[in-house]
PDB file of N, CA and C in Angstrom:
ATOM      1  N   MET A   1     -12.907 -15.973  -4.417  1.00  0.00           N
ATOM      2  CA  MET A   1     -12.471 -17.228  -3.858  1.00  0.00           C
ATOM      3  C   MET A   1     -10.980 -17.219  -3.528  1.00  0.00           C
ATOM      4  N   ALA A   2     -10.196 -16.561  -4.386  1.00  0.00           N
ATOM      5  CA  ALA A   2      -8.757 -16.523  -4.170  1.00  0.00           C
ATOM      6  C   ALA A   2      -8.405 -15.790  -2.875  1.00  0.00           C
ATOM      7  N   ILE A   3      -9.101 -14.694  -2.589  1.00  0.00           N
ATOM      8  CA  ILE A   3      -8.814 -13.944  -1.358  1.00  0.00           C
ATOM      9  C   ILE A   3      -9.073 -14.800  -0.133  1.00  0.00           C
ATOM     10  N   THR A   4     -10.066 -15.671  -0.180  1.00  0.00           N
ATOM     11  CA  THR A   4     -10.365 -16.547   0.942  1.00  0.00           C
ATOM     12  C   THR A   4      -9.234 -17.543   1.158  1.00  0.00           C
ATOM     13  N   ILE A   5      -8.754 -18.135   0.086  1.00  0.00           N
ATOM     14  CA  ILE A   5      -7.674 -19.116   0.198  1.00  0.00           C
ATOM     15  C   ILE A   5      -6.392 -18.448   0.673  1.00  0.00           C
ATOM     16  N   TYR A   6      -6.040 -17.300   0.104  1.00  0.00           N
ATOM     17  CA  TYR A   6      -4.826 -16.591   0.531  1.00  0.00           C
ATOM     18  C   TYR A   6      -4.929 -16.169   1.996  1.00  0.00           C
ATOM     19  N   SER A   7      -6.103 -15.733   2.413  1.00  0.00           N
ATOM     20  CA  SER A   7      -6.290 -15.322   3.808  1.00  0.00           C
ATOM     21  C   SER A   7      -6.168 -16.508   4.753  1.00  0.00           C
ATOM     22  N   LEU A   8      -6.749 -17.634   4.378  1.00  0.00           N
ATOM     23  CA  LEU A   8      -6.654 -18.823   5.231  1.00  0.00           C
ATOM     24  C   LEU A   8      -5.213 -19.323   5.328  1.00  0.00           C
ATOM     25  N   CYS A   9      -4.469 -19.268   4.240  1.00  0.00           N
ATOM     26  CA  CYS A   9      -3.055 -19.664   4.280  1.00  0.00           C
ATOM     27  C   CYS A   9      -2.252 -18.732   5.183  1.00  0.00           C
ATOM     28  N   THR A  10      -2.532 -17.449   5.098  1.00  0.00           N
ATOM     29  CA  THR A  10      -1.834 -16.482   5.951  1.00  0.00           C
ATOM     30  C   THR A  10      -2.173 -16.706   7.415  1.00  0.00           C
ATOM     31  N   LEU A  11      -3.437 -16.921   7.718  1.00  0.00           N
ATOM     32  CA  LEU A  11      -3.844 -17.165   9.107  1.00  0.00           C
ATOM     33  C   LEU A  11      -3.283 -18.475   9.647  1.00  0.00           C
ATOM     34  N   THR A  12      -3.182 -19.485   8.808  1.00  0.00           N
ATOM     35  CA  THR A  12      -2.619 -20.760   9.241  1.00  0.00           C
ATOM     36  C   THR A  12      -1.140 -20.629   9.572  1.00  0.00           C
ATOM     37  N   SER A  13      -0.375 -19.948   8.726  1.00  0.00           N
ATOM     38  CA  SER A  13       1.042 -19.781   9.022  1.00  0.00           C
ATOM     39  C   SER A  13       1.256 -18.868  10.227  1.00  0.00           C
ATOM     40  N   LEU A  14       0.371 -17.892  10.410  1.00  0.00           N
ATOM     41  CA  LEU A  14       0.451 -17.043  11.599  1.00  0.00           C
ATOM     42  C   LEU A  14       0.153 -17.845  12.864  1.00  0.00           C
ATOM     43  N   ALA A  15      -0.834 -18.734  12.803  1.00  0.00           N
ATOM     44  CA  ALA A  15      -1.158 -19.581  13.954  1.00  0.00           C
ATOM     45  C   ALA A  15      -0.002 -20.519  14.277  1.00  0.00           C
ATOM     46  N   CYS A  16       0.627 -21.074  13.255  1.00  0.00           N
ATOM     47  CA  CYS A  16       1.793 -21.946  13.491  1.00  0.00           C
ATOM     48  C   CYS A  16       2.926 -21.165  14.150  1.00  0.00           C
ATOM     49  N   ALA A  17       3.182 -19.960  13.659  1.00  0.00           N
ATOM     50  CA  ALA A  17       4.236 -19.135  14.250  1.00  0.00           C
ATOM     51  C   ALA A  17       3.910 -18.816  15.707  1.00  0.00           C
ATOM     52  N   TRP A  18       2.665 -18.456  15.977  1.00  0.00           N
ATOM     53  CA  TRP A  18       2.227 -18.130  17.336  1.00  0.00           C
ATOM     54  C   TRP A  18       2.424 -19.321  18.275  1.00  0.00           C
ATOM     55  N   LEU A  19       2.006 -20.494  17.845  1.00  0.00           N
ATOM     56  CA  LEU A  19       2.121 -21.688  18.683  1.00  0.00           C
ATOM     57  C   LEU A  19       3.581 -22.095  18.899  1.00  0.00           C
ATOM     58  N   LEU A  20       4.389 -22.031  17.855  1.00  0.00           N
ATOM     59  CA  LEU A  20       5.800 -22.405  17.992  1.00  0.00           C
ATOM     60  C   LEU A  20       6.549 -21.434  18.898  1.00  0.00           C
ATOM     61  N   LEU A  21       6.311 -20.139  18.729  1.00  0.00           N
ATOM     62  CA  LEU A  21       7.008 -19.167  19.573  1.00  0.00           C
ATOM     63  C   LEU A  21       6.499 -19.207  21.013  1.00  0.00           C
ATOM     64  N   GLY A  22       5.213 -19.523  21.200  1.00  0.00           N
ATOM     65  CA  GLY A  22       4.691 -19.704  22.555  1.00  0.00           C
ATOM     66  C   GLY A  22       5.316 -20.903  23.240  1.00  0.00           C
ATOM     67  N   SER A  23       5.500 -21.985  22.504  1.00  0.00           N
ATOM     68  CA  SER A  23       6.171 -23.165  23.062  1.00  0.00           C
ATOM     69  C   SER A  23       7.628 -22.860  23.373  1.00  0.00           C
ATOM     70  N   TYR A  24       8.260 -22.054  22.532  1.00  0.00           N
ATOM     71  CA  TYR A  24       9.648 -21.668  22.808  1.00  0.00           C
ATOM     72  C   TYR A  24       9.749 -20.868  24.103  1.00  0.00           C
ATOM     73  N   ARG A  25       8.805 -19.958  24.332  1.00  0.00           N
ATOM     74  CA  ARG A  25       8.835 -19.159  25.569  1.00  0.00           C
ATOM     75  C   ARG A  25       8.668 -20.046  26.793  1.00  0.00           C
ATOM     76  N   ARG A  26       7.858 -21.096  26.685  1.00  0.00           N
ATOM     77  CA  ARG A  26       7.637 -21.990  27.827  1.00  0.00           C
ATOM     78  C   ARG A  26       8.795 -22.951  28.061  1.00  0.00           C
ATOM     79  N   THR A  27       9.365 -23.504  26.987  1.00  0.00           N
ATOM     80  CA  THR A  27      10.361 -24.558  27.148  1.00  0.00           C
ATOM     81  C   THR A  27      11.794 -24.084  26.965  1.00  0.00           C
ATOM     82  N   GLY A  28      11.997 -23.091  26.119  1.00  0.00           N
ATOM     83  CA  GLY A  28      13.348 -22.600  25.867  1.00  0.00           C
ATOM     84  C   GLY A  28      14.118 -23.420  24.843  1.00  0.00           C
ATOM     85  N   HIS A  29      13.463 -24.358  24.154  1.00  0.00           N
ATOM     86  CA  HIS A  29      14.143 -25.135  23.111  1.00  0.00           C
ATOM     87  C   HIS A  29      14.343 -24.248  21.895  1.00  0.00           C
ATOM     88  N   ARG A  30      15.607 -24.106  21.505  1.00  0.00           N
ATOM     89  CA  ARG A  30      15.926 -23.144  20.453  1.00  0.00           C
ATOM     90  C   ARG A  30      15.419 -23.556  19.070  1.00  0.00           C
ATOM     91  N   LEU A  31      15.232 -24.838  18.837  1.00  0.00           N
ATOM     92  CA  LEU A  31      14.701 -25.263  17.551  1.00  0.00           C
ATOM     93  C   LEU A  31      13.270 -24.754  17.359  1.00  0.00           C
ATOM     94  N   LEU A  32      12.522 -24.637  18.447  1.00  0.00           N
ATOM     95  CA  LEU A  32      11.186 -24.049  18.364  1.00  0.00           C
ATOM     96  C   LEU A  32      11.263 -22.583  17.947  1.00  0.00           C
ATOM     97  N   PHE A  33      12.298 -21.891  18.443  1.00  0.00           N
ATOM     98  CA  PHE A  33      12.471 -20.484  18.054  1.00  0.00           C
ATOM     99  C   PHE A  33      12.729 -20.367  16.553  1.00  0.00           C
ATOM    100  N   TRP A  34      13.649 -21.179  16.033  1.00  0.00           N
ATOM    101  CA  TRP A  34      13.980 -21.082  14.615  1.00  0.00           C
ATOM    102  C   TRP A  34      12.798 -21.497  13.737  1.00  0.00           C
ATOM    103  N   SER A  35      12.050 -22.487  14.175  1.00  0.00           N
ATOM    104  CA  SER A  35      10.853 -22.887  13.429  1.00  0.00           C
ATOM    105  C   SER A  35       9.807 -21.776  13.461  1.00  0.00           C
ATOM    106  N   GLY A  36       9.626 -21.156  14.615  1.00  0.00           N
ATOM    107  CA  GLY A  36       8.681 -20.040  14.723  1.00  0.00           C
ATOM    108  C   GLY A  36       9.097 -18.854  13.887  1.00  0.00           C
ATOM    109  N   ALA A  37      10.392 -18.550  13.893  1.00  0.00           N
ATOM    110  CA  ALA A  37      10.881 -17.446  13.065  1.00  0.00           C
ATOM    111  C   ALA A  37      10.676 -17.743  11.588  1.00  0.00           C
ATOM    112  N   SER A  38      10.851 -18.995  11.214  1.00  0.00           N
ATOM    113  CA  SER A  38      10.606 -19.391   9.829  1.00  0.00           C
ATOM    114  C   SER A  38       9.140 -19.191   9.463  1.00  0.00           C
ATOM    115  N   PHE A  39       8.232 -19.546  10.356  1.00  0.00           N
ATOM    116  CA  PHE A  39       6.816 -19.364  10.057  1.00  0.00           C
ATOM    117  C   PHE A  39       6.411 -17.894  10.073  1.00  0.00           C
ATOM    118  N   VAL A  40       7.091 -17.061  10.827  1.00  0.00           N
ATOM    119  CA  VAL A  40       6.835 -15.618  10.751  1.00  0.00           C
ATOM    120  C   VAL A  40       7.192 -15.127   9.343  1.00  0.00           C
ATOM    121  N   ALA A  41       8.345 -15.572   8.837  1.00  0.00           N
ATOM    122  CA  ALA A  41       8.743 -15.169   7.490  1.00  0.00           C
ATOM    123  C   ALA A  41       7.786 -15.750   6.442  1.00  0.00           C
ATOM    124  N   LEU A  42       7.277 -16.954   6.671  1.00  0.00           N
ATOM    125  CA  LEU A  42       6.296 -17.522   5.747  1.00  0.00           C
ATOM    126  C   LEU A  42       4.977 -16.752   5.792  1.00  0.00           C
ATOM    127  N   THR A  43       4.624 -16.236   6.961  1.00  0.00           N
ATOM    128  CA  THR A  43       3.442 -15.388   7.062  1.00  0.00           C
ATOM    129  C   THR A  43       3.624 -14.118   6.239  1.00  0.00           C
ATOM    130  N   VAL A  44       4.805 -13.526   6.344  1.00  0.00           N
ATOM    131  CA  VAL A  44       5.114 -12.338   5.539  1.00  0.00           C
ATOM    132  C   VAL A  44       5.049 -12.685   4.050  1.00  0.00           C
ATOM    133  N   ASN A  45       5.556 -13.860   3.703  1.00  0.00           N
ATOM    134  CA  ASN A  45       5.499 -14.315   2.316  1.00  0.00           C
ATOM    135  C   ASN A  45       4.053 -14.441   1.835  1.00  0.00           C
ATOM    136  N   ASN A  46       3.183 -14.978   2.681  1.00  0.00           N
ATOM    137  CA  ASN A  46       1.773 -15.101   2.307  1.00  0.00           C
ATOM    138  C   ASN A  46       1.090 -13.742   2.184  1.00  0.00           C
ATOM    139  N   VAL A  47       1.487 -12.798   3.011  1.00  0.00           N
ATOM    140  CA  VAL A  47       0.940 -11.434   2.889  1.00  0.00           C
ATOM    141  C   VAL A  47       1.378 -10.824   1.559  1.00  0.00           C
ATOM    142  N   PHE A  48       2.638 -11.002   1.208  1.00  0.00           N
ATOM    143  CA  PHE A  48       3.109 -10.496  -0.088  1.00  0.00           C
ATOM    144  C   PHE A  48       2.391 -11.183  -1.249  1.00  0.00           C
ATOM    145  N   LEU A  49       2.102 -12.478  -1.104  1.00  0.00           N
ATOM    146  CA  LEU A  49       1.363 -13.187  -2.139  1.00  0.00           C
ATOM    147  C   LEU A  49      -0.025 -12.582  -2.324  1.00  0.00           C
ATOM    148  N   MET A  50      -0.698 -12.303  -1.214  1.00  0.00           N
ATOM    149  CA  MET A  50      -2.026 -11.700  -1.297  1.00  0.00           C
ATOM    150  C   MET A  50      -1.953 -10.297  -1.912  1.00  0.00           C
ATOM    151  N   LEU A  51      -0.944  -9.541  -1.518  1.00  0.00           N
ATOM    152  CA  LEU A  51      -0.778  -8.210  -2.107  1.00  0.00           C
ATOM    153  C   LEU A  51      -0.506  -8.295  -3.598  1.00  0.00           C
ATOM    154  N   ASP A  52       0.315  -9.263  -3.979  1.00  0.00           N
ATOM    155  CA  ASP A  52       0.695  -9.413  -5.376  1.00  0.00           C
ATOM    156  C   ASP A  52      -0.483  -9.847  -6.242  1.00  0.00           C
ATOM    157  N   LYS A  53      -1.259 -10.798  -5.786  1.00  0.00           N
ATOM    158  CA  LYS A  53      -2.313 -11.376  -6.624  1.00  0.00           C
ATOM    159  C   LYS A  53      -3.664 -10.665  -6.516  1.00  0.00           C
ATOM    160  N   VAL A  54      -3.961 -10.085  -5.348  1.00  0.00           N
ATOM    161  CA  VAL A  54      -5.306  -9.533  -5.139  1.00  0.00           C
ATOM    162  C   VAL A  54      -5.304  -8.012  -5.089  1.00  0.00           C
ATOM    163  N   VAL A  55      -4.443  -7.445  -4.253  1.00  0.00           N
ATOM    164  CA  VAL A  55      -4.500  -6.001  -4.017  1.00  0.00           C
ATOM    165  C   VAL A  55      -3.839  -5.210  -5.147  1.00  0.00           C
ATOM    166  N   PHE A  56      -2.631  -5.619  -5.543  1.00  0.00           N
ATOM    167  CA  PHE A  56      -1.890  -4.917  -6.593  1.00  0.00           C
ATOM    168  C   PHE A  56      -1.562  -5.874  -7.738  1.00  0.00           C
ATOM    169  N   PRO A  57      -2.544  -6.298  -8.501  1.00  0.00           N
ATOM    170  CA  PRO A  57      -2.243  -7.269  -9.567  1.00  0.00           C
ATOM    171  C   PRO A  57      -1.390  -6.698 -10.704  1.00  0.00           C
ATOM    172  N   ASP A  58      -1.300  -5.379 -10.806  1.00  0.00           N
ATOM    173  CA  ASP A  58      -0.522  -4.771 -11.887  1.00  0.00           C
ATOM    174  C   ASP A  58       0.967  -4.668 -11.549  1.00  0.00           C
ATOM    175  N   TYR A  59       1.323  -4.826 -10.275  1.00  0.00           N
ATOM    176  CA  TYR A  59       2.719  -4.734  -9.861  1.00  0.00           C
ATOM    177  C   TYR A  59       3.336  -6.125  -9.809  1.00  0.00           C
ATOM    178  N   TYR A  60       4.615  -6.193 -10.079  1.00  0.00           N
ATOM    179  CA  TYR A  60       5.341  -7.459 -10.122  1.00  0.00           C
ATOM    180  C   TYR A  60       6.094  -7.626  -8.806  1.00  0.00           C
ATOM    181  N   LEU A  61       5.519  -8.371  -7.875  1.00  0.00           N
ATOM    182  CA  LEU A  61       6.109  -8.550  -6.548  1.00  0.00           C
ATOM    183  C   LEU A  61       6.768  -9.918  -6.376  1.00  0.00           C
ATOM    184  N   LEU A  62       6.979 -10.642  -7.461  1.00  0.00           N
ATOM    185  CA  LEU A  62       7.573 -11.975  -7.360  1.00  0.00           C
ATOM    186  C   LEU A  62       8.959 -11.959  -6.706  1.00  0.00           C
ATOM    187  N   PRO A  63       9.855 -11.025  -7.041  1.00  0.00           N
ATOM    188  CA  PRO A  63      11.166 -11.032  -6.369  1.00  0.00           C
ATOM    189  C   PRO A  63      11.063 -10.823  -4.854  1.00  0.00           C
ATOM    190  N   VAL A  64      10.143  -9.987  -4.420  1.00  0.00           N
ATOM    191  CA  VAL A  64       9.959  -9.760  -2.979  1.00  0.00           C
ATOM    192  C   VAL A  64       9.449 -11.036  -2.320  1.00  0.00           C
ATOM    193  N   ARG A  65       8.517 -11.716  -2.974  1.00  0.00           N
ATOM    194  CA  ARG A  65       7.991 -12.973  -2.435  1.00  0.00           C
ATOM    195  C   ARG A  65       9.072 -14.036  -2.377  1.00  0.00           C
ATOM    196  N   GLN A  66       9.909 -14.092  -3.391  1.00  0.00           N
ATOM    197  CA  GLN A  66      10.971 -15.096  -3.400  1.00  0.00           C
ATOM    198  C   GLN A  66      12.008 -14.831  -2.317  1.00  0.00           C
ATOM    199  N   VAL A  67      12.329 -13.582  -2.084  1.00  0.00           N
ATOM    200  CA  VAL A  67      13.290 -13.248  -1.027  1.00  0.00           C
ATOM    201  C   VAL A  67      12.721 -13.606   0.344  1.00  0.00           C
ATOM    202  N   SER A  68      11.454 -13.327   0.577  1.00  0.00           N
ATOM    203  CA  SER A  68      10.865 -13.666   1.870  1.00  0.00           C
ATOM    204  C   SER A  68      10.789 -15.182   2.064  1.00  0.00           C
ATOM    205  N   ALA A  69      10.512 -15.934   1.008  1.00  0.00           N
ATOM    206  CA  ALA A  69      10.501 -17.390   1.103  1.00  0.00           C
ATOM    207  C   ALA A  69      11.911 -17.924   1.346  1.00  0.00           C
ATOM    208  N   LEU A  70      12.907 -17.322   0.711  1.00  0.00           N
ATOM    209  CA  LEU A  70      14.290 -17.726   0.923  1.00  0.00           C
ATOM    210  C   LEU A  70      14.722 -17.470   2.362  1.00  0.00           C
ATOM    211  N   VAL A  71      14.355 -16.320   2.906  1.00  0.00           N
ATOM    212  CA  VAL A  71      14.678 -16.014   4.303  1.00  0.00           C
ATOM    213  C   VAL A  71      14.026 -17.037   5.233  1.00  0.00           C
ATOM    214  N   ALA A  72      12.789 -17.395   4.957  1.00  0.00           N
ATOM    215  CA  ALA A  72      12.091 -18.377   5.790  1.00  0.00           C
ATOM    216  C   ALA A  72      12.805 -19.721   5.775  1.00  0.00           C
ATOM    217  N   MET A  73      13.197 -20.170   4.604  1.00  0.00           N
ATOM    218  CA  MET A  73      13.860 -21.470   4.506  1.00  0.00           C
ATOM    219  C   MET A  73      15.259 -21.436   5.112  1.00  0.00           C
ATOM    220  N   LEU A  74      15.961 -20.317   4.961  1.00  0.00           N
ATOM    221  CA  LEU A  74      17.292 -20.203   5.559  1.00  0.00           C
ATOM    222  C   LEU A  74      17.226 -20.194   7.082  1.00  0.00           C
ATOM    223  N   LEU A  75      16.213 -19.547   7.637  1.00  0.00           N
ATOM    224  CA  LEU A  75      16.040 -19.575   9.093  1.00  0.00           C
ATOM    225  C   LEU A  75      15.800 -20.993   9.591  1.00  0.00           C
ATOM    226  N   LEU A  76      14.945 -21.715   8.920  1.00  0.00           N
ATOM    227  CA  LEU A  76      14.663 -23.084   9.320  1.00  0.00           C
ATOM    228  C   LEU A  76      15.885 -23.971   9.124  1.00  0.00           C
ATOM    229  N   LEU A  77      16.572 -23.808   8.028  1.00  0.00           N
ATOM    230  CA  LEU A  77      17.765 -24.605   7.759  1.00  0.00           C
ATOM    231  C   LEU A  77      18.858 -24.333   8.788  1.00  0.00           C
ATOM    232  N   TYR A  78      19.048 -23.067   9.150  1.00  0.00           N
ATOM    233  CA  TYR A  78      20.035 -22.730  10.172  1.00  0.00           C
ATOM    234  C   TYR A  78      19.687 -23.411  11.496  1.00  0.00           C
ATOM    235  N   GLY A  79      18.426 -23.341  11.883  1.00  0.00           N
ATOM    236  CA  GLY A  79      18.015 -23.965  13.127  1.00  0.00           C
ATOM    237  C   GLY A  79      18.198 -25.468  13.103  1.00  0.00           C
ATOM    238  N   LEU A  80      17.907 -26.099  11.987  1.00  0.00           N
ATOM    239  CA  LEU A  80      18.057 -27.551  11.892  1.00  0.00           C
ATOM    240  C   LEU A  80      19.522 -27.992  11.897  1.00  0.00           C
ATOM    241  N   ILE A  81      20.397 -27.180  11.331  1.00  0.00           N
ATOM    242  CA  ILE A  81      21.804 -27.565  11.243  1.00  0.00           C
ATOM    243  C   ILE A  81      22.571 -27.242  12.518  1.00  0.00           C
ATOM    244  N   TYR A  82      22.378 -26.067  13.090  1.00  0.00           N
ATOM    245  CA  TYR A  82      23.243 -25.598  14.165  1.00  0.00           C
ATOM    246  C   TYR A  82      22.713 -25.785  15.573  1.00  0.00           C
ATOM    247  N   GLU A  83      21.492 -26.241  15.734  1.00  0.00           N
ATOM    248  CA  GLU A  83      20.980 -26.496  17.077  1.00  0.00           C
ATOM    249  C   GLU A  83      21.258 -27.948  17.461  1.00  0.00           C
ATOM    250  N   LYS A  84      21.915 -28.144  18.577  1.00  0.00           N
ATOM    251  CA  LYS A  84      22.390 -29.466  18.984  1.00  0.00           C
ATOM    252  C   LYS A  84      21.325 -30.291  19.703  1.00  0.00           C
ATOM    253  N   GLU A  85      20.346 -29.653  20.333  1.00  0.00           N
ATOM    254  CA  GLU A  85      19.385 -30.386  21.159  1.00  0.00           C
ATOM    255  C   GLU A  85      18.430 -31.202  20.351  1.00  0.00           C
TER     256      GLU A  85
END
């Protein structure tokens, strides 16, 4: 059951990233780019979560997951603060 939930979370964040970056390509609004980049990093975070909990349960991947989540939030925060539009 856990693999199903982790997979659905990963696919959802990937779909959000795909849609946001596609909208950025069409409109050129930079906030869409930063939001899409944040969701790409969140997708990577979800992949690390699945690897940590399902594939390699004996390895401690929490620091890697935390760094990827931090990168995702910093990308979004940068876009929210420094984009004027």
